[in-house]
Amino acid sequence: CSAGAGAGGETGDGPDVLRVLAGSEVKDLEPMLRNSGVKVRISYTGTLDGAEQVARGDADGSYDAVWFSSNRYLSLIDGAKGRLSTETRIMSSPVLLGLRTAKARELGWEGRPVSWQQIAAAARQGRFTFGMTNPASSNSGFSALVGVAAALSDAGEALSPEQVATVTPKLKEFFSAQRLTSGSSGWLAEAYARDGGVDGLVNYESVLLGVKGLSLIYPSDGVVTADYPLTLLASATPEKRELYGRLTSWLRAPDTQRQIMTTTHRRPAVPQVRPGPEFGTAPLLELPFPNRRSTADGLITAYLDEARVPSRALFVLDVSGSMEGDRIENLRRALVTLTGADTSASGTFSRFRDRENVVMIPFSGSAGQPRSFTLPESDPQPVLDEIKAYAQGLRTGGGTAIFDGLRTAYQQAATADDGRYTSVVLMTDGENTDGISYDDFAAFYRALPDERRRTRTFVVLFGDSDVEEMRRVATLTGGAVFDARDGSLAAAFKEIRGYQ
């Protein structure tokens, strides 16, 4: 999570401030909210984490409203509906496929009706590749998964657990074309723009319209649409209810709706504002959404453990002398969390997955011996226990050879060409003191073949990390930086799992 500033002016939690728990998807509206006449403080969280927080009642008293791209998953959690009050739809955006225009023409799809069934057939035949966010951490990925599953199942109604099992082989064929993943829709688009090595993206229409060179495919058999409901919590005070009413009235005013449409590429929610020509004229059929949480969770599990291309996660771990004490204990605890110790929904989905290859590379004054763990397709617990024992056995001492460890990770990735989606996690609490320098590593990285340079490094800032140098690593490799210096290392690791 990251706390936002006062989008409507000042920060604070006074009676004149509306406190909103939101998904990162609405962050692009913050500049506009400063003109709303209402002071708004927004705090951001992942969709599943936020939904569970609301359902447990943890949001009561801390927030007055929630603003996710959809309340569908939230409404499936026991006890959640009773904690919600007024729900106001602000805008909408369907989840679609966007392809490079040349690829869309090659497939004969430009300007023609195409179904998810046809898209899945082309994916199975290897005729295109795409990127999509992780359904366990991003609503665009979850909506895409629900839409594709509903379309391929031919159910005509909300999926049942039995239908999830039946449609999973078809999902595996569809997701065989996925070559890029992400924990957020915005980062996915950025990675694609940096030459993500794929032909297109499955993402919100609003995101796809902001990416140059894409032709949007509107599936004729239906979509799942985000409707961005700003929702008042039942625990909100009368004063906060009045602020909510003022804010939603401003957001749904025609002038504001037009501004939302032109600046964020989302469709207006009021009939007085006609959608612009960029949205096309194709009718949108809304596909059915699961009506039970067990079905939704089963669908996410099927994607992670069976349908998606299996991943390889290389963890480059600082075990230098400066990690002694609380720091190494925090590292052990964070890794153990990923073996299944966190039993929340978001924690369960972020654990190491079936079929995944996990490689641990400790470093101190030099790079240590890599240790590889591959989880089987069924009964992964024995391997998870091995990873847990390895994490608990980490010991500290010596200098800090960050870039020796990082180079070893890329060398390890190069030795296993088995079609996995590969990423690197670098965790360090200090500055490089031993081994090769950043410049040496950068030269090594740039000399790698194009395909190897698509292995991204996600850096976790911890302790006394050299922030500028670590940001350079993330930028060089097309990765991202996660700051755990003032927060939980386990939470940072869990967030990164959405990108692996």
Protein backbone atom coordinates (compact mmCIF):
# COMPACT_ATOMS: atom_id res chain seq x y z
CA CYS A 1 0.00 0.00 0.00
CA SER A 2 1.04 3.59 -0.46
CA ALA A 3 -0.64 6.56 1.13
CA GLY A 4 -1.80 9.33 -1.15
CA ALA A 5 -1.69 13.04 -0.38
CA GLY A 6 -4.80 15.09 0.08
CA ALA A 7 -6.20 14.98 -3.42
CA GLY A 8 -8.75 17.66 -2.65
CA GLY A 9 -6.30 20.04 -1.02
CA GLU A 10 -4.88 19.48 2.44
CA THR A 11 -3.92 16.24 4.11
CA GLY A 12 -5.32 15.07 7.43
CA ASP A 13 -8.18 13.17 9.02
CA GLY A 14 -10.40 15.99 10.24
CA PRO A 15 -14.17 16.08 9.89
CA ASP A 16 -13.81 18.07 6.67
CA VAL A 17 -11.69 15.38 4.96
CA LEU A 18 -13.18 12.40 3.11
CA ARG A 19 -10.88 9.41 3.64
CA VAL A 20 -10.97 6.94 0.75
CA LEU A 21 -9.43 3.47 0.43
CA ALA A 22 -8.87 2.92 -3.29
CA GLY A 23 -7.34 0.71 -5.93
CA SER A 24 -4.35 2.13 -7.77
CA GLU A 25 -6.45 2.25 -10.97
CA VAL A 26 -8.06 5.54 -9.89
CA LYS A 27 -4.81 7.30 -9.09
CA ASP A 28 -4.97 9.19 -12.38
CA LEU A 29 -8.01 11.09 -11.07
CA GLU A 30 -6.14 12.69 -8.16
CA PRO A 31 -5.24 15.92 -10.03
CA MET A 32 -8.88 16.42 -11.01
CA LEU A 33 -10.13 15.94 -7.45
CA ARG A 34 -8.27 19.05 -6.35
CA ASN A 35 -10.99 21.03 -8.13
CA SER A 36 -13.89 19.17 -6.53
CA GLY A 37 -14.34 21.50 -3.56
CA VAL A 38 -13.99 18.51 -1.22
CA LYS A 39 -10.82 17.61 0.65
CA VAL A 40 -10.01 13.99 -0.16
CA ARG A 41 -7.28 11.77 1.30
CA ILE A 42 -6.74 8.61 -0.74
CA SER A 43 -4.81 5.55 0.44
CA TYR A 44 -4.06 2.85 -2.13
CA THR A 45 -4.16 -0.91 -1.77
CA GLY A 46 -4.45 -4.04 -3.86
CA THR A 47 -7.92 -5.20 -4.84
CA LEU A 48 -7.95 -8.41 -2.76
CA ASP A 49 -6.24 -6.82 0.25
CA GLY A 50 -8.70 -3.93 0.15
CA ALA A 51 -11.71 -6.19 -0.18
CA GLU A 52 -10.65 -8.30 2.80
CA GLN A 53 -9.89 -5.20 4.85
CA VAL A 54 -13.41 -3.88 4.26
CA ALA A 55 -15.09 -7.24 4.90
CA ARG A 56 -13.24 -7.71 8.21
CA GLY A 57 -14.32 -4.26 9.37
CA ASP A 58 -10.72 -3.00 9.49
CA ALA A 59 -11.64 -0.07 7.23
CA ASP A 60 -14.35 1.14 9.62
CA GLY A 61 -13.18 4.24 11.44
CA SER A 62 -10.07 4.60 9.28
CA TYR A 63 -11.90 5.31 6.01
CA ASP A 64 -15.21 6.81 5.01
CA ALA A 65 -15.50 5.34 1.51
CA VAL A 66 -13.89 2.83 -0.84
CA TRP A 67 -13.18 3.23 -4.55
CA PHE A 68 -12.19 0.14 -6.48
CA SER A 69 -12.60 -0.50 -10.18
CA SER A 70 -15.33 -2.97 -9.27
CA ASN A 71 -17.13 -4.16 -6.13
CA ARG A 72 -17.91 -7.57 -7.61
CA TYR A 73 -15.28 -9.57 -5.71
CA LEU A 74 -15.87 -7.54 -2.55
CA SER A 75 -19.59 -8.34 -2.65
CA LEU A 76 -18.83 -12.09 -2.65
CA ILE A 77 -17.04 -12.01 0.73
CA ASP A 78 -19.14 -12.91 3.75
CA GLY A 79 -20.02 -9.84 5.80
CA ALA A 80 -18.89 -7.31 3.20
CA LYS A 81 -22.30 -6.07 2.01
CA GLY A 82 -23.31 -5.06 5.51
CA ARG A 83 -20.33 -2.72 5.72
CA LEU A 84 -21.23 -0.85 2.54
CA SER A 85 -23.76 1.92 2.12
CA THR A 86 -24.43 4.09 -0.94
CA GLU A 87 -22.71 3.04 -4.17
CA THR A 88 -22.26 5.58 -6.98
CA ARG A 89 -21.04 4.59 -10.43
CA ILE A 90 -18.53 7.16 -11.71
CA MET A 91 -17.26 5.86 -15.08
CA SER A 92 -16.69 2.57 -16.91
CA SER A 93 -14.11 0.70 -18.94
CA PRO A 94 -14.41 -2.80 -20.43
CA VAL A 95 -11.47 -5.21 -20.47
CA LEU A 96 -10.39 -5.88 -24.06
CA LEU A 97 -7.56 -7.19 -26.21
CA GLY A 98 -5.32 -4.61 -27.87
CA LEU A 99 -2.97 -5.79 -30.64
CA ARG A 100 -0.28 -4.07 -32.64
CA THR A 101 -2.10 -2.86 -35.74
CA ALA A 102 0.12 -4.90 -38.07
CA LYS A 103 -0.64 -8.07 -36.08
CA ALA A 104 -4.38 -7.34 -36.06
CA ARG A 105 -4.27 -6.98 -39.85
CA GLU A 106 -2.24 -10.16 -40.20
CA LEU A 107 -4.91 -12.04 -38.25
CA GLY A 108 -7.69 -10.41 -40.24
CA TRP A 109 -9.24 -8.90 -37.12
CA GLU A 110 -8.98 -5.17 -37.79
CA GLY A 111 -12.44 -3.65 -37.92
CA ARG A 112 -14.17 -7.04 -37.81
CA PRO A 113 -16.16 -8.80 -35.06
CA VAL A 114 -13.97 -11.35 -33.27
CA SER A 115 -14.96 -13.67 -30.41
CA TRP A 116 -12.96 -14.85 -27.43
CA GLN A 117 -13.30 -18.31 -28.98
CA GLN A 118 -11.44 -17.09 -32.10
CA ILE A 119 -8.88 -15.26 -29.99
CA ALA A 120 -8.28 -18.43 -27.94
CA ALA A 121 -7.86 -20.51 -31.12
CA ALA A 122 -5.21 -18.09 -32.45
CA ALA A 123 -3.46 -18.14 -29.06
CA ARG A 124 -3.41 -21.93 -29.06
CA GLN A 125 -1.86 -21.90 -32.54
CA GLY A 126 0.87 -19.50 -31.40
CA ARG A 127 -0.22 -16.77 -33.83
CA PHE A 128 0.20 -13.93 -31.31
CA THR A 129 1.48 -13.23 -27.78
CA PHE A 130 0.12 -10.91 -25.12
CA GLY A 131 0.60 -9.45 -21.66
CA MET A 132 -1.99 -9.37 -18.87
CA THR A 133 -1.99 -8.42 -15.20
CA ASN A 134 -2.08 -11.06 -12.49
CA PRO A 135 -5.72 -11.87 -11.59
CA ALA A 136 -4.71 -12.33 -7.95
CA SER A 137 -3.49 -8.75 -7.62
CA SER A 138 -5.16 -6.63 -10.30
CA ASN A 139 -8.82 -6.23 -11.22
CA SER A 140 -8.07 -5.93 -14.95
CA GLY A 141 -6.46 -9.38 -14.92
CA PHE A 142 -9.26 -10.83 -12.80
CA SER A 143 -11.90 -9.32 -15.08
CA ALA A 144 -10.10 -10.69 -18.14
CA LEU A 145 -9.89 -14.14 -16.57
CA VAL A 146 -13.59 -14.12 -15.69
CA GLY A 147 -14.53 -12.91 -19.16
CA VAL A 148 -12.42 -15.44 -21.04
CA ALA A 149 -13.59 -18.29 -18.78
CA ALA A 150 -17.25 -17.34 -19.18
CA ALA A 151 -16.93 -17.04 -22.96
CA LEU A 152 -15.00 -20.29 -23.42
CA SER A 153 -17.33 -22.24 -21.14
CA ASP A 154 -20.46 -21.35 -23.14
CA ALA A 155 -22.22 -21.41 -19.78
CA GLY A 156 -24.59 -18.52 -20.45
CA GLU A 157 -24.76 -17.87 -16.71
CA ALA A 158 -22.47 -17.47 -13.73
CA LEU A 159 -19.74 -20.11 -13.63
CA SER A 160 -19.98 -22.96 -11.14
CA PRO A 161 -16.97 -24.71 -9.54
CA GLU A 162 -17.62 -27.69 -11.81
CA GLN A 163 -17.51 -25.47 -14.89
CA VAL A 164 -14.22 -23.94 -13.72
CA ALA A 165 -12.69 -27.41 -13.75
CA THR A 166 -14.13 -28.09 -17.22
CA VAL A 167 -12.94 -24.83 -18.77
CA THR A 168 -9.40 -24.91 -17.28
CA PRO A 169 -7.87 -26.91 -20.20
CA LYS A 170 -9.23 -24.27 -22.60
CA LEU A 171 -7.81 -21.52 -20.40
CA LYS A 172 -4.43 -23.24 -20.49
CA GLU A 173 -4.49 -23.08 -24.29
CA PHE A 174 -5.45 -19.39 -24.21
CA PHE A 175 -2.80 -18.41 -21.68
CA SER A 176 -0.09 -20.33 -23.51
CA ALA A 177 0.27 -17.08 -25.50
CA GLN A 178 0.86 -14.93 -22.40
CA ARG A 179 4.47 -13.75 -22.18
CA LEU A 180 4.22 -10.72 -19.89
CA THR A 181 2.58 -10.30 -16.50
CA SER A 182 2.25 -7.50 -13.96
CA GLY A 183 0.72 -6.52 -10.67
CA SER A 184 -0.89 -3.35 -12.08
CA SER A 185 -2.47 -2.19 -15.32
CA GLY A 186 -0.32 0.94 -15.52
CA TRP A 187 2.98 -0.91 -15.14
CA LEU A 188 1.88 -3.45 -17.74
CA ALA A 189 1.35 -0.67 -20.29
CA GLU A 190 4.72 0.86 -19.40
CA ALA A 191 6.48 -2.49 -19.79
CA TYR A 192 4.83 -2.96 -23.17
CA ALA A 193 5.93 0.50 -24.27
CA ARG A 194 9.53 -0.39 -23.31
CA ASP A 195 9.31 -3.28 -25.81
CA GLY A 196 7.82 -5.96 -23.65
CA GLY A 197 8.33 -8.47 -26.44
CA VAL A 198 4.63 -9.24 -26.97
CA ASP A 199 2.11 -8.49 -29.72
CA GLY A 200 -0.50 -6.94 -27.50
CA LEU A 201 -2.18 -6.52 -24.13
CA VAL A 202 -5.34 -7.62 -22.38
CA ASN A 203 -6.25 -4.56 -20.31
CA TYR A 204 -8.80 -1.86 -19.66
CA GLU A 205 -10.02 -0.03 -22.75
CA SER A 206 -8.91 3.19 -21.05
CA VAL A 207 -5.34 1.93 -20.78
CA LEU A 208 -5.25 0.51 -24.30
CA LEU A 209 -6.49 3.79 -25.80
CA GLY A 210 -3.46 5.49 -24.23
CA VAL A 211 -0.97 3.13 -25.91
CA LYS A 212 0.19 4.10 -29.38
CA GLY A 213 -0.04 1.67 -32.27
CA LEU A 214 -2.72 -0.65 -30.86
CA SER A 215 -5.90 -1.80 -32.56
CA LEU A 216 -8.62 -2.62 -30.03
CA ILE A 217 -10.49 -5.91 -30.36
CA TYR A 218 -14.03 -5.83 -28.93
CA PRO A 219 -14.97 -9.50 -28.36
CA SER A 220 -18.37 -10.19 -29.88
CA ASP A 221 -19.22 -12.80 -27.24
CA GLY A 222 -18.88 -10.36 -24.38
CA VAL A 223 -16.66 -8.50 -21.93
CA VAL A 224 -16.39 -7.76 -18.22
CA THR A 225 -16.59 -4.04 -17.47
CA ALA A 226 -15.14 -2.05 -14.58
CA ASP A 227 -17.67 0.51 -13.33
CA TYR A 228 -15.55 2.27 -10.64
CA PRO A 229 -18.21 2.67 -7.92
CA LEU A 230 -17.33 5.22 -5.24
CA THR A 231 -18.91 3.52 -2.24
CA LEU A 232 -19.74 5.02 1.14
CA LEU A 233 -19.00 2.82 4.14
CA ALA A 234 -21.90 2.15 6.50
CA SER A 235 -19.72 3.36 9.40
CA ALA A 236 -19.31 6.86 7.92
CA THR A 237 -20.50 9.75 10.08
CA PRO A 238 -23.21 12.20 8.92
CA GLU A 239 -20.52 14.79 8.21
CA LYS A 240 -18.64 12.37 5.97
CA ARG A 241 -21.87 11.34 4.24
CA GLU A 242 -22.42 14.99 3.31
CA LEU A 243 -18.87 15.20 1.88
CA TYR A 244 -19.47 11.99 -0.07
CA GLY A 245 -22.66 13.41 -1.55
CA ARG A 246 -20.91 16.59 -2.64
CA LEU A 247 -18.02 14.68 -4.19
CA THR A 248 -20.17 12.19 -6.12
CA SER A 249 -22.41 14.99 -7.39
CA TRP A 250 -19.34 16.82 -8.70
CA LEU A 251 -17.90 13.65 -10.25
CA ARG A 252 -21.14 12.92 -12.11
CA ALA A 253 -21.67 16.51 -13.30
CA PRO A 254 -21.55 16.64 -17.13
CA ASP A 255 -18.49 18.89 -17.27
CA THR A 256 -16.57 16.58 -14.91
CA GLN A 257 -17.68 13.52 -16.84
CA ARG A 258 -16.40 15.05 -20.08
CA GLN A 259 -13.08 15.82 -18.41
CA ILE A 260 -12.81 12.25 -17.11
CA MET A 261 -13.55 10.93 -20.58
CA THR A 262 -10.99 13.11 -22.37
CA THR A 263 -8.18 12.80 -19.83
CA THR A 264 -8.51 9.15 -18.74
CA HIS A 265 -10.24 7.52 -21.76
CA ARG A 266 -13.01 6.10 -19.57
CA ARG A 267 -16.62 6.05 -20.63
CA PRO A 268 -19.02 8.51 -18.99
CA ALA A 269 -21.53 7.21 -16.44
CA VAL A 270 -24.31 9.73 -17.10
CA PRO A 271 -26.64 9.78 -20.14
CA GLN A 272 -26.18 13.54 -20.64
CA VAL A 273 -22.63 12.92 -21.91
CA ARG A 274 -22.28 11.02 -25.17
CA PRO A 275 -19.22 8.72 -25.44
CA GLY A 276 -16.58 9.99 -27.85
CA PRO A 277 -15.77 8.37 -31.22
CA GLU A 278 -12.66 6.69 -29.79
CA PHE A 279 -14.93 4.14 -28.08
CA GLY A 280 -16.35 2.90 -31.37
CA THR A 281 -19.88 1.74 -31.99
CA ALA A 282 -19.63 -2.00 -31.25
CA PRO A 283 -22.31 -3.13 -28.77
CA LEU A 284 -20.89 -4.52 -25.52
CA LEU A 285 -22.42 -7.71 -24.15
CA GLU A 286 -21.68 -8.08 -20.43
CA LEU A 287 -20.53 -11.57 -19.49
CA PRO A 288 -21.78 -13.18 -16.24
CA PHE A 289 -19.66 -12.83 -13.12
CA PRO A 290 -19.28 -15.63 -10.53
CA ASN A 291 -21.93 -15.41 -7.81
CA ARG A 292 -19.94 -17.33 -5.20
CA ARG A 293 -16.56 -16.50 -3.73
CA SER A 294 -15.49 -20.14 -3.90
CA THR A 295 -15.92 -20.05 -7.67
CA ALA A 296 -13.98 -16.80 -8.05
CA ASP A 297 -11.15 -18.08 -5.86
CA GLY A 298 -11.15 -21.41 -7.66
CA LEU A 299 -10.81 -19.60 -10.98
CA ILE A 300 -7.79 -17.62 -9.73
CA THR A 301 -6.21 -20.80 -8.34
CA ALA A 302 -6.75 -22.63 -11.63
CA TYR A 303 -5.03 -19.78 -13.47
CA LEU A 304 -2.02 -19.68 -11.12
CA ASP A 305 -1.51 -23.44 -10.78
CA GLU A 306 -2.62 -24.80 -14.14
CA ALA A 307 -3.51 -22.31 -16.88
CA ARG A 308 -0.72 -19.75 -17.00
CA VAL A 309 2.80 -20.34 -18.27
CA PRO A 310 4.83 -21.46 -15.22
CA SER A 311 7.27 -18.96 -13.78
CA ARG A 312 10.84 -18.89 -12.56
CA ALA A 313 11.57 -16.52 -9.66
CA LEU A 314 15.19 -15.84 -8.74
CA PHE A 315 15.65 -14.25 -5.31
CA VAL A 316 18.98 -12.45 -4.82
CA LEU A 317 19.24 -12.11 -1.05
CA ASP A 318 21.58 -9.94 1.02
CA VAL A 319 23.02 -11.96 3.92
CA SER A 320 25.94 -9.61 4.62
CA GLY A 321 27.03 -8.74 8.14
CA SER A 322 24.78 -5.66 8.25
CA MET A 323 21.75 -7.95 8.03
CA GLU A 324 22.47 -9.44 11.46
CA GLY A 325 19.63 -9.23 13.99
CA ASP A 326 16.15 -8.00 13.15
CA ARG A 327 16.93 -7.56 9.46
CA ILE A 328 17.79 -11.19 8.74
CA GLU A 329 14.84 -12.26 10.87
CA ASN A 330 12.55 -10.05 8.76
CA LEU A 331 13.97 -11.65 5.62
CA ARG A 332 13.40 -15.15 6.95
CA ARG A 333 9.84 -14.24 7.94
CA ALA A 334 9.10 -12.68 4.52
CA LEU A 335 10.24 -15.80 2.66
CA VAL A 336 8.33 -18.09 5.01
CA THR A 337 5.22 -16.01 4.29
CA LEU A 338 5.53 -17.02 0.64
CA THR A 339 5.47 -20.71 1.58
CA GLY A 340 1.86 -20.41 2.75
CA ALA A 341 2.16 -18.93 6.25
CA ASP A 342 -0.16 -16.06 5.28
CA THR A 343 -3.63 -17.64 5.10
CA SER A 344 -5.51 -14.56 3.88
CA ALA A 345 -6.83 -14.71 0.30
CA SER A 346 -4.13 -12.37 -0.98
CA GLY A 347 -1.50 -14.28 1.00
CA THR A 348 -2.72 -17.63 -0.29
CA PHE A 349 -2.58 -16.44 -3.89
CA SER A 350 0.89 -14.89 -3.49
CA ARG A 351 2.57 -18.05 -2.20
CA PHE A 352 4.98 -19.98 -4.40
CA ARG A 353 2.80 -21.75 -6.96
CA ASP A 354 2.53 -25.26 -8.35
CA ARG A 355 4.96 -25.78 -11.31
CA GLU A 356 7.02 -22.73 -10.28
CA ASN A 357 10.82 -22.83 -10.16
CA VAL A 358 12.20 -20.81 -7.24
CA VAL A 359 15.94 -20.09 -7.11
CA MET A 360 17.58 -18.63 -3.99
CA ILE A 361 20.91 -16.81 -4.48
CA PRO A 362 22.40 -15.48 -1.23
CA PHE A 363 25.28 -13.02 -1.34
CA SER A 364 27.63 -11.36 1.08
CA GLY A 365 31.25 -10.63 0.06
CA SER A 366 30.58 -12.74 -3.05
CA ALA A 367 27.67 -14.59 -4.62
CA GLY A 368 26.71 -17.77 -2.82
CA GLN A 369 25.70 -21.10 -4.28
CA PRO A 370 22.26 -20.93 -5.97
CA ARG A 371 19.64 -23.31 -4.57
CA SER A 372 16.82 -24.33 -6.89
CA PHE A 373 13.36 -25.56 -5.83
CA THR A 374 10.72 -26.70 -8.32
CA LEU A 375 7.19 -27.15 -7.04
CA PRO A 376 5.32 -30.13 -8.54
CA GLU A 377 1.93 -29.90 -10.24
CA SER A 378 0.28 -31.46 -7.21
CA ASP A 379 1.12 -31.76 -3.51
CA PRO A 380 3.64 -28.88 -3.35
CA GLN A 381 3.82 -28.91 0.46
CA PRO A 382 7.05 -30.96 0.77
CA VAL A 383 8.89 -28.47 -1.48
CA LEU A 384 7.31 -25.52 0.34
CA ASP A 385 8.65 -27.03 3.57
CA GLU A 386 12.11 -27.25 2.00
CA ILE A 387 11.99 -23.56 1.05
CA LYS A 388 10.83 -22.70 4.57
CA ALA A 389 13.73 -24.65 6.10
CA TYR A 390 16.17 -22.95 3.70
CA ALA A 391 14.86 -19.50 4.66
CA GLN A 392 15.07 -20.23 8.37
CA GLY A 393 18.65 -21.44 7.91
CA LEU A 394 19.97 -18.21 6.34
CA ARG A 395 23.01 -16.88 8.19
CA THR A 396 24.78 -13.51 7.97
CA GLY A 397 28.38 -12.31 7.69
CA GLY A 398 30.82 -10.59 5.35
CA GLY A 399 30.64 -7.74 2.85
CA THR A 400 28.04 -6.77 0.25
CA ALA A 401 28.61 -7.91 -3.35
CA ILE A 402 25.25 -6.87 -4.76
CA PHE A 403 26.17 -7.02 -8.42
CA ASP A 404 28.00 -10.33 -8.15
CA GLY A 405 24.71 -11.76 -6.85
CA LEU A 406 22.69 -10.07 -9.57
CA ARG A 407 25.03 -11.25 -12.33
CA THR A 408 24.77 -14.81 -10.99
CA ALA A 409 20.98 -14.60 -11.22
CA TYR A 410 21.10 -13.65 -14.90
CA GLN A 411 23.64 -16.38 -15.57
CA GLN A 412 21.33 -18.88 -13.87
CA ALA A 413 18.38 -17.66 -15.95
CA ALA A 414 20.39 -18.21 -19.13
CA THR A 415 21.07 -21.87 -18.32
CA ALA A 416 17.38 -22.87 -18.25
CA ASP A 417 15.64 -22.19 -21.55
CA ASP A 418 12.32 -23.92 -20.85
CA GLY A 419 9.80 -21.25 -21.77
CA ARG A 420 9.12 -20.06 -18.22
CA TYR A 421 8.32 -16.44 -17.40
CA THR A 422 11.46 -15.42 -15.52
CA SER A 423 12.02 -12.54 -13.11
CA VAL A 424 14.58 -11.51 -10.50
CA VAL A 425 13.97 -10.10 -7.00
CA LEU A 426 16.89 -8.22 -5.47
CA MET A 427 16.78 -7.51 -1.73
CA THR A 428 19.61 -5.59 -0.08
CA ASP A 429 19.96 -3.44 3.02
CA GLY A 430 23.09 -1.52 2.02
CA GLU A 431 25.56 -0.31 -0.58
CA ASN A 432 27.78 -2.41 -2.82
CA THR A 433 31.19 -2.91 -1.14
CA ASP A 434 32.65 -5.97 -2.87
CA GLY A 435 32.87 -7.59 -6.29
CA ILE A 436 31.88 -5.94 -9.55
CA SER A 437 30.37 -2.45 -9.75
CA TYR A 438 27.05 -1.27 -11.14
CA ASP A 439 28.81 -0.19 -14.34
CA ASP A 440 30.32 -3.67 -14.71
CA PHE A 441 26.91 -5.27 -14.26
CA ALA A 442 25.29 -2.82 -16.69
CA ALA A 443 27.86 -3.72 -19.35
CA PHE A 444 27.23 -7.43 -18.70
CA TYR A 445 23.46 -6.93 -18.91
CA ARG A 446 23.58 -4.92 -22.13
CA ALA A 447 25.66 -7.65 -23.77
CA LEU A 448 22.95 -10.25 -23.13
CA PRO A 449 20.75 -11.39 -26.04
CA ASP A 450 17.47 -9.45 -26.43
CA GLU A 451 15.40 -12.26 -24.96
CA ARG A 452 17.57 -12.47 -21.83
CA ARG A 453 17.29 -8.72 -21.28
CA ARG A 454 13.54 -9.13 -20.88
CA THR A 455 14.17 -10.75 -17.50
CA ARG A 456 13.27 -7.89 -15.18
CA THR A 457 14.67 -7.13 -11.75
CA PHE A 458 12.30 -6.03 -8.99
CA VAL A 459 14.28 -4.27 -6.28
CA VAL A 460 13.26 -4.16 -2.62
CA LEU A 461 14.67 -1.18 -0.74
CA PHE A 462 15.47 -2.22 2.80
CA GLY A 463 17.53 -0.80 5.64
CA ASP A 464 20.20 1.52 4.28
CA SER A 465 19.88 0.65 0.59
CA ASP A 466 21.55 2.92 -1.96
CA VAL A 467 18.27 4.21 -3.35
CA GLU A 468 19.65 5.90 -6.47
CA GLU A 469 21.73 2.90 -7.51
CA MET A 470 18.86 0.49 -6.92
CA ARG A 471 16.54 2.64 -9.02
CA ARG A 472 19.14 2.50 -11.79
CA VAL A 473 19.03 -1.31 -11.63
CA ALA A 474 15.24 -1.34 -11.95
CA THR A 475 15.32 1.14 -14.83
CA LEU A 476 18.09 -0.75 -16.63
CA THR A 477 16.23 -4.05 -16.53
CA GLY A 478 12.70 -2.69 -16.99
CA GLY A 479 11.68 -3.69 -13.47
CA ALA A 480 10.32 -1.70 -10.54
CA VAL A 481 11.27 -0.60 -7.03
CA PHE A 482 9.37 -1.57 -3.87
CA ASP A 483 10.14 0.37 -0.70
CA ALA A 484 10.20 -1.68 2.52
CA ARG A 485 12.42 0.69 4.54
CA ASP A 486 9.54 1.96 6.66
CA GLY A 487 7.15 -0.92 6.17
CA SER A 488 6.91 -4.67 6.03
CA LEU A 489 9.39 -6.68 3.98
CA ALA A 490 6.81 -9.48 3.82
CA ALA A 491 4.24 -7.07 2.35
CA ALA A 492 6.75 -5.92 -0.28
CA PHE A 493 7.53 -9.52 -1.26
CA LYS A 494 3.81 -10.28 -1.46
CA GLU A 495 3.25 -7.28 -3.72
CA ILE A 496 6.10 -8.31 -6.00
CA ARG A 497 4.49 -11.72 -6.45
CA GLY A 498 1.87 -10.03 -8.59
CA TYR A 499 4.62 -9.29 -11.12
CA GLN A 500 6.05 -12.81 -11.30
